[in-house]
Amino acid sequence: MSVAKKKKPGSKAAARAKAGEKDLVFGLGTTGLSVARHLKRVGRDAVFLDSRDEPPGLDELDELWPEANRELGVTELPADVGRVIVSPGIADDDALVQAARDAGLEVISDVELFAREAKAPFVGVTGSNGKSTVTTLLYHMCRAAGHSALAGGNLGEPALDLLAEDEPDFYVLELSSFQLQRTQTLPATVAVLLNVTPDHLDWHASEEEYRESKYRIFREAESAVINRDDSESADRTRDIENVISFGLDAPQDGHYGIRREDDEVFLARGDNVLLGVSELALFGLHNQANALAALAAGELLGLDLQAMLQVLCEFPGLPHRMQFVRRVSAVNYVNDSKATNVAAAVASIRSVDGMLVLIAGGEGKGGDFSALAGPLENKLRATVLIGRDAEAIEAALDTIMPTYFARDMDDAVQQAAAFAESDDTVLLAPACASFDQFDNYAARGDAFCKAVEALRP
């Protein structure tokens, strides 16, 4: 399938952002600064508001836009703005966001601005888990197949910063539920929804709202990739002509899945086997699903199959996502700090063969830790818990195996090393956010890697 570049549809909402009106950029940081750079490029005036007195990115804003109107430590809606561009970290029930809607103002995300301005075809990738890996796989597949590509959004470069680069053949965007919630028009050439499991219930008003934000990716899409385990995705894509499914079962013709032949396991399209799972550079069952989703999206983009398979043989995965760190005294240490919710931790646990020692804990985000118990049964050597919700995890696992508490990551790794036996895996899969102890999940993963490197054989 070849993909033609298309004109963006007209938008009444976009028309309301009239020349001369000011935009309100609510929230600085990485996204707010990318919005500032975009508005500066297109010649739009703006007010920059943040409830914090010294938000991150303030020095960069001063350098970029010295004369910018800044409202810091403020939570009230200014009177002279025409639309509000909200950073994804700000919840939808924020009082200023509600006041803007009550005033009839357009409330949008940076992704909405991207969708209105981008000329090249784009892929939108979302899901509770796996979207960063699939986004990166697709980026490399495009390049391996001889196409120029830019990737970003919720991963790496903010979406609007991509528009400052030379126009590529394809954009590949990772999209969070926060971004999708406030995006009104999203005419993706390919929309990919990997999975939907409860997450970010501290941001969304309900699980239903969270799910709706994910399914929103299909609304204006030209084609779609769906997970066969999610019947709702099939319902939401009934009006899309080109839909390819993926799953870890045997696929029907034209779809992607797993086939077994002579005790070997293969990625397959219909009856055709494509690549032995043993040849994948990625580790784990969930990454087999990610590889299948990327192949399906690449097919819809018209990418060369052999180029895509070559990427799957070479791409080892992203840091902090089932990252093999080191083998010490016959024990493997794996860093999946990106497992910031229960479903991601369950996927990590199921991807490990043999017995494991689990390091978990942090800021729970409203997740149900009891879901960890089933996958851990008969494969858990011990659990070492850190962070604010350690006791809640202990309560959910107290019938599985003994649990232990650690002061910090160094202590957790030392304890885990003492409990592990030959050929076990020590797995960091926190099932929680990191903000109670670390700046982000990457800092938590780095702390784990540093502690593992310090172990003596």
Protein backbone atom coordinates (compact mmCIF):
# COMPACT_ATOMS: atom_id res chain seq x y z
CA MET A 1 0.00 0.00 0.00
CA SER A 2 1.42 3.37 -0.96
CA VAL A 3 0.58 6.38 1.16
CA ALA A 4 -0.22 9.71 -0.43
CA LYS A 5 0.27 12.96 1.40
CA LYS A 6 -3.03 14.53 2.26
CA LYS A 7 -4.47 17.92 3.04
CA LYS A 8 -5.69 18.46 6.57
CA PRO A 9 -9.45 18.77 6.88
CA GLY A 10 -10.92 22.15 7.71
CA SER A 11 -11.55 22.74 11.38
CA LYS A 12 -14.07 25.09 12.94
CA ALA A 13 -12.02 24.97 16.12
CA ALA A 14 -8.89 26.03 14.26
CA ALA A 15 -10.80 28.87 12.63
CA ARG A 16 -11.70 30.24 16.05
CA ALA A 17 -7.99 30.83 16.76
CA LYS A 18 -8.16 34.11 14.88
CA ALA A 19 -5.24 36.32 14.02
CA GLY A 20 -4.64 38.80 16.81
CA GLU A 21 -5.99 36.60 19.58
CA LYS A 22 -3.60 35.44 22.25
CA ASP A 23 -3.08 31.81 23.15
CA LEU A 24 -2.78 30.78 26.77
CA VAL A 25 -0.05 28.18 27.26
CA PHE A 26 -0.89 26.49 30.55
CA GLY A 27 2.10 24.68 32.04
CA LEU A 28 5.76 25.11 31.18
CA GLY A 29 8.28 22.27 31.18
CA THR A 30 9.14 20.28 28.06
CA THR A 31 5.75 20.49 26.36
CA GLY A 32 5.13 24.13 27.22
CA LEU A 33 8.48 25.12 25.76
CA SER A 34 7.77 23.17 22.55
CA VAL A 35 4.47 25.06 22.25
CA ALA A 36 6.34 28.34 22.78
CA ARG A 37 8.80 27.50 20.00
CA HIS A 38 5.92 26.63 17.66
CA LEU A 39 3.92 29.76 18.39
CA LYS A 40 7.03 31.88 17.91
CA ARG A 41 7.62 30.24 14.50
CA VAL A 42 4.07 30.84 13.30
CA GLY A 43 3.81 34.36 14.75
CA ARG A 44 1.12 33.82 17.40
CA ASP A 45 1.09 35.93 20.57
CA ALA A 46 0.80 34.05 23.84
CA VAL A 47 0.50 34.26 27.60
CA PHE A 48 2.45 31.64 29.57
CA LEU A 49 0.84 30.59 32.84
CA ASP A 50 2.03 28.18 35.50
CA SER A 51 0.80 27.66 39.04
CA ARG A 52 4.40 27.28 40.21
CA ASP A 53 6.49 30.35 41.00
CA GLU A 54 9.59 28.84 39.37
CA PRO A 55 8.48 26.18 36.87
CA PRO A 56 11.01 24.14 34.88
CA GLY A 57 11.94 25.72 31.57
CA LEU A 58 11.67 29.31 32.75
CA ASP A 59 15.23 30.23 31.73
CA GLU A 60 14.72 28.67 28.30
CA LEU A 61 11.50 30.65 27.83
CA ASP A 62 13.28 33.89 28.76
CA GLU A 63 15.96 33.17 26.18
CA LEU A 64 13.49 32.17 23.47
CA TRP A 65 10.89 34.86 24.08
CA PRO A 66 12.27 37.63 26.35
CA GLU A 67 9.19 39.82 25.95
CA ALA A 68 6.70 37.01 26.66
CA ASN A 69 3.83 37.69 29.02
CA ARG A 70 4.31 35.33 31.97
CA GLU A 71 1.83 34.63 34.76
CA LEU A 72 3.59 32.59 37.46
CA GLY A 73 2.12 31.32 40.70
CA VAL A 74 -1.31 32.05 39.20
CA THR A 75 -4.33 29.74 38.92
CA GLU A 76 -6.94 32.10 37.44
CA LEU A 77 -7.90 32.33 33.78
CA PRO A 78 -6.70 35.56 32.10
CA ALA A 79 -9.37 37.61 30.39
CA ASP A 80 -7.66 38.28 27.05
CA VAL A 81 -7.05 34.84 25.52
CA GLY A 82 -8.77 33.04 22.65
CA ARG A 83 -7.73 29.41 23.26
CA VAL A 84 -5.87 27.39 25.88
CA ILE A 85 -3.06 24.94 25.10
CA VAL A 86 -2.62 22.68 28.12
CA SER A 87 0.43 20.59 29.01
CA PRO A 88 -0.37 16.88 29.43
CA GLY A 89 0.61 16.75 33.09
CA ILE A 90 -2.29 19.03 34.04
CA ALA A 91 -5.44 17.04 34.80
CA ASP A 92 -8.68 17.67 32.95
CA ASP A 93 -10.52 18.56 36.16
CA ASP A 94 -8.11 21.42 36.92
CA ALA A 95 -10.09 24.51 37.91
CA LEU A 96 -8.50 26.71 35.23
CA VAL A 97 -9.19 24.14 32.51
CA GLN A 98 -12.81 23.95 33.62
CA ALA A 99 -13.07 27.74 33.72
CA ALA A 100 -11.76 27.93 30.15
CA ARG A 101 -14.36 25.47 28.93
CA ASP A 102 -17.10 27.28 30.82
CA ALA A 103 -16.00 30.47 29.05
CA GLY A 104 -16.39 28.75 25.68
CA LEU A 105 -12.66 28.70 24.96
CA GLU A 106 -11.02 25.99 22.93
CA VAL A 107 -8.92 23.72 25.20
CA ILE A 108 -6.40 21.65 23.22
CA SER A 109 -3.15 19.71 23.39
CA ASP A 110 0.14 20.18 21.61
CA VAL A 111 -0.77 17.12 19.53
CA GLU A 112 -3.86 18.94 18.25
CA LEU A 113 -1.62 21.75 16.98
CA PHE A 114 0.67 19.18 15.37
CA ALA A 115 -2.23 17.46 13.60
CA ARG A 116 -3.41 20.80 12.17
CA GLU A 117 0.03 21.74 10.84
CA ALA A 118 1.68 18.47 9.75
CA LYS A 119 1.70 17.81 6.00
CA ALA A 120 3.36 14.38 5.90
CA PRO A 121 1.46 11.19 6.84
CA PHE A 122 1.74 10.19 10.49
CA VAL A 123 1.31 7.09 12.60
CA GLY A 124 -0.22 7.44 16.05
CA VAL A 125 0.77 4.77 18.59
CA THR A 126 -0.92 4.45 21.95
CA GLY A 127 -1.61 1.81 24.58
CA SER A 128 -1.18 1.28 28.28
CA ASN A 129 2.10 -0.55 27.68
CA GLY A 130 4.58 -1.00 24.83
CA LYS A 131 3.98 2.23 22.92
CA SER A 132 7.55 3.54 23.24
CA THR A 133 8.99 0.29 21.93
CA VAL A 134 6.57 0.12 18.98
CA THR A 135 7.11 3.80 18.13
CA THR A 136 10.87 3.27 18.06
CA LEU A 137 10.57 0.05 16.06
CA LEU A 138 8.45 1.80 13.44
CA TYR A 139 10.92 4.67 13.21
CA HIS A 140 13.77 2.25 12.51
CA MET A 141 11.64 0.21 10.11
CA CYS A 142 10.83 3.31 8.07
CA ARG A 143 14.50 4.20 7.82
CA ALA A 144 15.57 0.64 7.04
CA ALA A 145 13.02 0.59 4.23
CA GLY A 146 14.56 3.71 2.69
CA HIS A 147 12.12 6.35 3.99
CA SER A 148 12.88 9.44 6.03
CA ALA A 149 11.08 9.51 9.37
CA LEU A 150 10.82 11.56 12.55
CA ALA A 151 9.60 10.12 15.85
CA GLY A 152 8.41 11.88 18.98
CA GLY A 153 5.35 12.98 20.92
CA ASN A 154 5.19 11.38 24.34
CA LEU A 155 8.58 9.82 23.59
CA GLY A 156 11.71 11.89 22.90
CA GLU A 157 11.09 15.06 20.90
CA PRO A 158 7.78 16.85 21.54
CA ALA A 159 5.47 16.60 18.55
CA LEU A 160 5.60 20.31 17.69
CA ASP A 161 9.40 20.33 17.60
CA LEU A 162 9.26 17.78 14.78
CA LEU A 163 7.60 20.42 12.58
CA ALA A 164 10.78 22.53 12.75
CA GLU A 165 12.72 19.76 10.94
CA ASP A 166 12.76 19.06 7.20
CA GLU A 167 9.51 17.35 6.26
CA PRO A 168 9.95 13.56 6.39
CA ASP A 169 8.12 10.82 4.51
CA PHE A 170 6.48 9.77 7.78
CA TYR A 171 6.02 11.00 11.33
CA VAL A 172 5.70 8.38 14.09
CA LEU A 173 4.05 9.68 17.27
CA GLU A 174 3.75 8.04 20.66
CA LEU A 175 0.53 9.39 22.19
CA SER A 176 -0.45 9.31 25.85
CA SER A 177 -3.99 9.25 27.18
CA PHE A 178 -3.39 12.79 28.48
CA GLN A 179 -2.60 14.07 25.00
CA LEU A 180 -5.46 12.19 23.35
CA GLN A 181 -7.97 13.47 25.90
CA ARG A 182 -7.56 17.03 24.62
CA THR A 183 -7.03 16.31 20.93
CA GLN A 184 -10.02 17.14 18.74
CA THR A 185 -8.87 16.15 15.24
CA LEU A 186 -6.35 13.36 14.66
CA PRO A 187 -6.33 12.18 11.02
CA ALA A 188 -3.64 9.53 11.46
CA THR A 189 -2.65 7.55 8.39
CA VAL A 190 -2.27 4.57 10.74
CA ALA A 191 -3.69 4.43 14.27
CA VAL A 192 -2.20 1.76 16.55
CA LEU A 193 -3.78 0.74 19.86
CA LEU A 194 -1.66 -1.90 21.58
CA ASN A 195 -3.67 -2.62 24.72
CA VAL A 196 -5.86 -0.94 27.32
CA THR A 197 -5.45 -1.75 31.00
CA PRO A 198 -6.26 0.51 33.97
CA ASP A 199 -3.64 3.25 34.37
CA HIS A 200 -3.35 6.92 35.30
CA LEU A 201 -6.46 6.74 37.46
CA ASP A 202 -4.91 9.54 39.52
CA TRP A 203 -5.29 11.80 36.43
CA HIS A 204 -8.44 10.53 34.73
CA ALA A 205 -11.82 10.85 36.41
CA SER A 206 -12.55 7.15 35.89
CA GLU A 207 -11.34 4.01 34.15
CA GLU A 208 -14.05 4.60 31.53
CA GLU A 209 -12.65 8.06 30.76
CA TYR A 210 -9.15 6.60 30.46
CA ARG A 211 -10.36 3.94 28.03
CA GLU A 212 -12.28 6.48 25.96
CA SER A 213 -9.13 8.59 25.62
CA LYS A 214 -7.30 5.60 24.16
CA TYR A 215 -10.08 4.63 21.72
CA ARG A 216 -10.18 8.25 20.57
CA ILE A 217 -7.13 7.50 18.37
CA PHE A 218 -9.37 5.70 15.86
CA ARG A 219 -11.93 8.43 15.23
CA GLU A 220 -10.41 10.08 12.12
CA ALA A 221 -7.87 7.38 11.24
CA GLU A 222 -7.45 6.11 7.67
CA SER A 223 -6.30 2.64 8.80
CA ALA A 224 -5.80 0.88 12.12
CA VAL A 225 -3.86 -1.79 13.99
CA ILE A 226 -5.74 -3.50 16.82
CA ASN A 227 -5.09 -6.17 19.43
CA ARG A 228 -7.30 -9.23 18.92
CA ASP A 229 -7.66 -9.59 22.69
CA ASP A 230 -9.55 -6.27 22.79
CA SER A 231 -13.03 -6.74 21.31
CA GLU A 232 -13.83 -3.07 21.93
CA SER A 233 -11.11 -2.06 19.46
CA ALA A 234 -12.78 -4.17 16.79
CA ASP A 235 -16.08 -2.41 17.47
CA ARG A 236 -14.47 1.04 17.36
CA THR A 237 -12.83 0.38 13.97
CA ARG A 238 -15.85 -1.04 12.09
CA ASP A 239 -16.00 2.04 9.84
CA ILE A 240 -12.27 1.96 8.99
CA GLU A 241 -11.59 0.18 5.71
CA ASN A 242 -8.08 -1.15 6.42
CA VAL A 243 -7.73 -2.83 9.81
CA ILE A 244 -5.04 -5.38 10.69
CA SER A 245 -5.05 -7.26 13.99
CA PHE A 246 -2.21 -8.79 15.98
CA GLY A 247 -2.05 -11.22 18.86
CA LEU A 248 -0.10 -14.06 20.40
CA ASP A 249 -2.42 -16.68 18.89
CA ALA A 250 -2.46 -18.16 15.38
CA PRO A 251 -3.52 -15.43 12.92
CA GLN A 252 -6.06 -15.55 10.13
CA ASP A 253 -5.09 -14.54 6.60
CA GLY A 254 -3.87 -10.95 6.41
CA HIS A 255 -3.29 -10.62 10.16
CA TYR A 256 -0.29 -11.12 12.46
CA GLY A 257 0.31 -13.62 15.24
CA ILE A 258 2.31 -16.61 16.45
CA ARG A 259 2.66 -20.02 14.81
CA ARG A 260 4.46 -23.11 16.09
CA GLU A 261 6.18 -25.57 13.82
CA ASP A 262 8.38 -28.49 14.90
CA ASP A 263 8.77 -27.09 18.44
CA GLU A 264 9.83 -23.71 17.02
CA VAL A 265 7.89 -20.49 17.61
CA PHE A 266 7.52 -17.96 14.77
CA LEU A 267 6.11 -14.53 14.09
CA ALA A 268 3.60 -15.07 11.30
CA ARG A 269 1.27 -13.33 8.87
CA GLY A 270 -1.65 -15.64 8.25
CA ASP A 271 -0.24 -19.06 7.39
CA ASN A 272 3.17 -17.65 6.45
CA VAL A 273 5.90 -17.81 9.06
CA LEU A 274 8.15 -14.75 8.99
CA LEU A 275 10.80 -14.92 11.72
CA GLY A 276 11.75 -17.30 14.49
CA VAL A 277 11.14 -15.80 17.92
CA SER A 278 14.64 -16.94 18.87
CA GLU A 279 15.99 -14.46 16.29
CA LEU A 280 14.31 -11.46 17.91
CA ALA A 281 16.70 -9.08 19.64
CA LEU A 282 13.88 -8.06 22.00
CA PHE A 283 13.18 -10.12 25.13
CA GLY A 284 9.83 -11.38 26.39
CA LEU A 285 6.34 -12.34 25.28
CA HIS A 286 5.05 -8.79 25.40
CA ASN A 287 7.81 -7.74 23.01
CA GLN A 288 6.69 -10.45 20.58
CA ALA A 289 3.32 -8.68 20.60
CA ASN A 290 5.05 -5.33 20.10
CA ALA A 291 6.97 -6.72 17.12
CA LEU A 292 3.76 -8.02 15.54
CA ALA A 293 2.02 -4.67 16.01
CA ALA A 294 4.95 -2.86 14.38
CA LEU A 295 4.87 -5.25 11.41
CA ALA A 296 1.15 -4.63 10.96
CA ALA A 297 1.61 -0.85 11.05
CA GLY A 298 4.55 -1.07 8.67
CA GLU A 299 2.47 -3.05 6.21
CA LEU A 300 -0.21 -0.34 6.26
CA LEU A 301 2.52 2.22 5.52
CA GLY A 302 3.78 0.12 2.62
CA LEU A 303 7.17 -0.69 4.15
CA ASP A 304 9.36 -3.46 2.78
CA LEU A 305 8.88 -6.65 4.81
CA GLN A 306 12.50 -7.80 4.73
CA ALA A 307 13.69 -4.42 5.98
CA MET A 308 11.24 -4.63 8.88
CA LEU A 309 12.33 -8.15 9.80
CA GLN A 310 15.97 -7.06 9.78
CA VAL A 311 15.15 -4.36 12.33
CA LEU A 312 13.50 -6.96 14.57
CA CYS A 313 16.70 -9.00 14.46
CA GLU A 314 18.85 -6.02 15.44
CA PHE A 315 16.87 -3.68 17.74
CA PRO A 316 17.60 -4.67 21.38
CA GLY A 317 14.93 -2.52 23.00
CA LEU A 318 14.88 0.71 24.98
CA PRO A 319 16.61 1.37 28.31
CA HIS A 320 14.51 0.58 31.39
CA ARG A 321 12.21 -1.73 29.40
CA MET A 322 13.18 -5.34 30.17
CA GLN A 323 16.81 -4.23 29.90
CA PHE A 324 19.32 -6.95 30.70
CA VAL A 325 21.84 -5.33 33.04
CA ARG A 326 24.29 -7.97 34.17
CA ARG A 327 24.74 -11.60 35.25
CA VAL A 328 26.35 -11.88 38.66
CA SER A 329 27.02 -15.19 40.44
CA ALA A 330 24.73 -17.03 38.00
CA VAL A 331 21.86 -14.58 38.60
CA ASN A 332 20.40 -12.35 35.85
CA TYR A 333 19.47 -8.75 36.67
CA VAL A 334 16.76 -7.13 34.51
CA ASN A 335 15.68 -3.49 34.65
CA ASP A 336 12.04 -2.82 33.75
CA SER A 337 11.67 0.45 35.63
CA LYS A 338 9.25 1.58 32.90
CA ALA A 339 6.73 -0.91 34.35
CA THR A 340 4.98 1.94 36.16
CA ASN A 341 1.59 0.21 36.46
CA VAL A 342 0.36 -3.21 37.52
CA ALA A 343 -0.40 -4.46 34.01
CA ALA A 344 3.12 -3.61 32.84
CA ALA A 345 4.63 -5.40 35.83
CA VAL A 346 2.47 -8.47 35.12
CA ALA A 347 3.76 -8.49 31.52
CA SER A 348 7.33 -8.27 32.82
CA ILE A 349 6.83 -11.14 35.25
CA ARG A 350 5.27 -13.36 32.60
CA SER A 351 8.19 -12.68 30.27
CA VAL A 352 10.72 -14.21 32.68
CA ASP A 353 11.47 -17.91 32.48
CA GLY A 354 12.29 -19.60 35.77
CA MET A 355 12.27 -18.29 39.33
CA LEU A 356 12.62 -14.62 40.15
CA VAL A 357 13.15 -12.14 42.94
CA LEU A 358 10.91 -9.13 42.39
CA ILE A 359 11.79 -5.55 43.36
CA ALA A 360 8.62 -3.44 43.33
CA GLY A 361 7.00 -0.41 44.90
CA GLY A 362 6.67 3.34 44.61
CA GLU A 363 3.63 5.54 44.00
CA GLY A 364 0.75 3.24 43.11
CA LYS A 365 -1.49 5.46 40.92
CA GLY A 366 -4.63 3.66 42.11
CA GLY A 367 -3.64 0.26 40.68
CA ASP A 368 -4.91 -3.09 41.99
CA PHE A 369 -1.81 -4.88 43.28
CA SER A 370 -3.71 -8.14 43.81
CA ALA A 371 -3.37 -8.72 40.04
CA LEU A 372 0.33 -9.46 40.64
CA ALA A 373 -0.41 -12.55 42.73
CA GLY A 374 -1.46 -14.95 39.95
CA PRO A 375 1.53 -14.43 37.62
CA LEU A 376 3.95 -14.68 40.57
CA GLU A 377 2.61 -17.93 41.96
CA ASN A 378 5.11 -20.79 41.72
CA LYS A 379 7.84 -18.57 40.26
CA LEU A 380 8.53 -16.05 43.04
CA ARG A 381 11.55 -16.56 45.28
CA ALA A 382 10.97 -13.37 47.30
CA THR A 383 9.71 -9.81 46.94
CA VAL A 384 11.68 -6.75 48.04
CA LEU A 385 9.55 -3.62 48.37
CA ILE A 386 10.43 0.07 48.28
CA GLY A 387 8.56 3.35 48.31
CA ARG A 388 5.30 4.81 49.51
CA ASP A 389 2.95 1.96 48.63
CA ALA A 390 5.20 -0.90 49.74
CA GLU A 391 2.78 -1.98 52.47
CA ALA A 392 -0.13 -2.06 50.01
CA ILE A 393 1.83 -4.44 47.77
CA GLU A 394 2.76 -6.58 50.76
CA ALA A 395 -0.92 -6.91 51.68
CA ALA A 396 -1.71 -8.09 48.14
CA LEU A 397 1.09 -10.69 48.08
CA ASP A 398 1.17 -11.97 51.65
CA THR A 399 -0.13 -15.41 50.63
CA ILE A 400 2.41 -15.89 47.83
CA MET A 401 5.91 -15.61 49.32
CA PRO A 402 7.61 -13.65 52.10
CA THR A 403 8.02 -9.95 51.42
CA TYR A 404 10.78 -7.70 52.67
CA PHE A 405 11.16 -3.94 52.93
CA ALA A 406 14.20 -1.97 51.76
CA ARG A 407 15.35 1.54 52.67
CA ASP A 408 16.37 2.46 49.14
CA MET A 409 17.40 0.92 45.83
CA ASP A 410 20.90 -0.03 46.99
CA ASP A 411 19.42 -1.89 49.95
CA ALA A 412 16.80 -3.53 47.69
CA VAL A 413 19.41 -4.88 45.27
CA GLN A 414 21.60 -6.15 48.10
CA GLN A 415 18.65 -7.99 49.66
CA ALA A 416 17.52 -9.38 46.31
CA ALA A 417 21.02 -10.68 45.59
CA ALA A 418 21.01 -12.51 48.93
CA PHE A 419 17.64 -14.18 48.22
CA ALA A 420 18.37 -15.17 44.60
CA GLU A 421 19.59 -18.64 43.73
CA SER A 422 21.48 -19.96 40.73
CA ASP A 423 19.80 -19.11 37.39
CA ASP A 424 17.19 -16.90 39.05
CA THR A 425 16.32 -13.45 37.72
CA VAL A 426 16.25 -10.34 39.87
CA LEU A 427 13.58 -8.23 38.18
CA LEU A 428 12.90 -4.54 38.83
CA ALA A 429 9.22 -4.23 37.82
CA PRO A 430 7.86 -1.63 40.24
CA ALA A 431 4.14 -1.61 39.24
CA CYS A 432 4.25 1.99 40.47
CA ALA A 433 5.29 5.47 39.48
CA SER A 434 8.66 6.67 40.78
CA PHE A 435 7.97 10.20 41.98
CA ASP A 436 7.93 9.40 45.69
CA GLN A 437 11.66 8.58 45.56
CA PHE A 438 13.04 9.54 42.13
CA ASP A 439 12.68 12.27 39.52
CA ASN A 440 11.29 9.77 37.00
CA TYR A 441 11.32 6.09 36.03
CA ALA A 442 14.67 6.52 34.22
CA ALA A 443 16.36 7.78 37.38
CA ARG A 444 14.94 4.78 39.24
CA GLY A 445 16.24 2.41 36.57
CA ASP A 446 19.64 4.09 36.62
CA ALA A 447 19.78 3.62 40.40
CA PHE A 448 19.02 -0.08 39.95
CA CYS A 449 21.72 -0.47 37.28
CA LYS A 450 24.25 1.36 39.44
CA ALA A 451 23.46 -0.87 42.42
CA VAL A 452 23.76 -3.99 40.27
CA GLU A 453 27.10 -2.86 38.85
CA ALA A 454 28.35 -2.45 42.41
CA LEU A 455 27.62 -6.10 43.28
CA ARG A 456 30.66 -8.28 43.73
CA PRO A 457 30.61 -11.83 42.27
